Protein backbone atom coordinates (compact mmCIF):
# COMPACT_ATOMS: atom_id res chain seq x y z
CA GLN A 1 5.21 -1.05 -18.87
CA VAL A 2 3.23 -0.61 -15.69
CA GLN A 3 3.42 2.32 -13.28
CA LEU A 4 2.19 2.57 -9.71
CA VAL A 5 1.62 6.08 -8.41
CA GLU A 6 1.10 6.60 -4.70
CA SER A 7 -0.31 9.57 -2.85
CA GLY A 8 -1.57 10.54 0.58
CA GLY A 9 1.47 10.38 2.84
CA GLY A 10 2.46 13.17 5.18
CA LEU A 11 2.99 14.29 8.74
CA VAL A 12 0.32 13.59 11.36
CA GLN A 13 0.12 13.63 15.13
CA ALA A 14 -0.23 10.40 17.07
CA GLY A 15 -3.85 9.31 17.11
CA GLY A 16 -4.54 10.90 13.76
CA SER A 17 -5.48 9.38 10.41
CA LEU A 18 -4.15 9.26 6.88
CA ARG A 19 -5.39 7.63 3.69
CA LEU A 20 -2.94 6.33 1.12
CA SER A 21 -3.88 5.73 -2.51
CA CYS A 22 -2.08 3.81 -5.23
CA ALA A 23 -3.19 3.77 -8.86
CA ALA A 24 -1.77 1.32 -11.36
CA SER A 25 -1.66 2.16 -15.06
CA GLY A 26 -0.10 0.90 -18.26
CA SER A 27 -0.16 -2.46 -20.02
CA ILE A 28 -2.41 -4.20 -17.51
CA PHE A 29 -4.49 -7.25 -18.36
CA SER A 30 -5.36 -8.03 -14.75
CA ILE A 31 -4.02 -7.57 -11.25
CA ASN A 32 -3.82 -10.39 -8.74
CA ALA A 33 -2.87 -9.08 -5.32
CA MET A 34 -2.34 -5.44 -4.38
CA GLY A 35 -0.99 -4.27 -1.11
CA TRP A 36 1.10 -1.99 1.03
CA TYR A 37 4.51 -2.53 2.54
CA ARG A 38 6.58 -0.22 4.71
CA GLN A 39 10.20 0.33 5.56
CA ALA A 40 11.34 2.22 8.62
CA PRO A 41 14.91 3.55 8.93
CA GLY A 42 17.32 0.75 9.69
CA LYS A 43 14.67 -1.94 9.25
CA GLN A 44 13.66 -4.35 6.51
CA ARG A 45 10.65 -3.75 4.33
CA GLU A 46 7.62 -5.50 5.80
CA PRO A 47 4.09 -6.21 4.57
CA VAL A 48 1.39 -4.07 6.13
CA ALA A 49 -1.78 -5.11 4.31
CA VAL A 50 -2.35 -7.13 1.15
CA THR A 51 -5.59 -7.98 -0.60
CA SER A 52 -6.48 -10.41 -3.35
CA SER A 53 -9.70 -11.85 -4.72
CA ASP A 54 -9.93 -14.43 -1.95
CA SER A 55 -7.99 -13.15 1.03
CA THR A 56 -6.78 -10.13 2.95
CA TYR A 57 -3.71 -9.99 5.16
CA TYR A 58 -2.90 -7.49 7.89
CA ALA A 59 0.24 -7.31 9.96
CA ASP A 60 -0.54 -7.90 13.62
CA SER A 61 0.72 -4.44 14.48
CA VAL A 62 -1.97 -2.72 12.36
CA LYS A 63 -4.99 -4.99 12.88
CA GLY A 64 -7.98 -2.99 14.01
CA ARG A 65 -6.38 0.32 13.01
CA PHE A 66 -5.70 0.03 9.27
CA ALA A 67 -8.10 -0.99 6.51
CA ILE A 68 -7.18 -1.90 2.93
CA SER A 69 -9.66 -1.54 0.10
CA ARG A 70 -9.49 -1.88 -3.64
CA ASP A 71 -11.28 -0.43 -6.65
CA ILE A 72 -10.76 -3.14 -9.24
CA ALA A 73 -12.23 -1.12 -12.10
CA ARG A 74 -9.77 1.72 -11.43
CA ASN A 75 -6.78 -0.54 -10.61
CA THR A 76 -6.46 1.36 -7.36
CA VAL A 77 -5.77 0.29 -3.80
CA TYR A 78 -6.27 2.35 -0.67
CA LEU A 79 -4.97 2.13 2.87
CA GLN A 80 -6.98 3.90 5.55
CA MET A 81 -4.76 4.35 8.59
CA ASN A 82 -6.39 5.33 11.87
CA SER A 83 -5.07 5.70 15.41
CA LEU A 84 -1.59 6.23 14.03
CA GLU A 85 1.35 5.66 16.32
CA PRO A 86 4.94 6.92 16.11
CA GLU A 87 5.94 3.31 15.36
CA ASP A 88 4.00 3.57 12.09
CA THR A 89 6.53 6.10 10.79
CA ALA A 90 8.05 4.68 7.60
CA VAL A 91 8.13 4.92 3.84
CA TYR A 92 5.06 3.12 2.55
CA TYR A 93 5.29 1.29 -0.77
CA CYS A 94 2.48 0.04 -2.96
CA ASN A 95 2.88 -3.38 -4.59
CA ALA A 96 0.88 -5.08 -7.33
CA GLY A 97 1.08 -8.49 -8.93
CA VAL A 98 0.26 -7.64 -12.54
CA VAL A 99 -0.55 -9.81 -15.52
CA THR A 100 0.39 -7.62 -18.48
CA THR A 101 -1.33 -7.43 -21.82
CA TYR A 102 1.47 -9.66 -23.08
CA PHE A 103 0.43 -12.22 -20.45
CA ASP A 104 3.65 -11.90 -18.50
CA GLU A 105 3.35 -11.66 -14.75
CA PHE A 106 5.47 -9.27 -12.73
CA ASP A 107 5.62 -7.67 -9.32
CA TYR A 108 5.60 -3.88 -9.50
CA TRP A 109 6.42 -1.31 -6.82
CA GLY A 110 5.51 2.30 -6.35
CA GLN A 111 8.06 4.98 -5.58
CA GLY A 112 7.12 5.14 -1.91
CA THR A 113 5.39 7.78 0.17
CA GLN A 114 6.63 9.02 3.55
CA VAL A 115 4.38 8.72 6.59
CA THR A 116 5.61 10.45 9.72
CA VAL A 117 3.72 10.24 13.01
CA SER A 118 4.76 12.71 15.69
CA THR A 119 4.24 12.39 19.43
């Protein structure tokens, strides 16, 4: 089994910053892509930022404000969020494409962490 544990969400005023962390643990052989998705009330879950060995994706709405980084040795991904806007308010979920020690490949999700940006 593989677990993703997120941390770093919270309440912040518009213009402020937060840093999310997500650590993967368990029966991990390797991880392909890791990234962050978010879901606002009444909306579908959407990708925010995803990184792999050869590419990085950012949603247009966060380009220039958010930065994703990854510590491969620690199986951890981070999301630095700057210049936060009320529209960034959502539950943020970590995602990882994991090759397990049994050489199966699965998508895993974290439990979600709430980010609330006040005006």
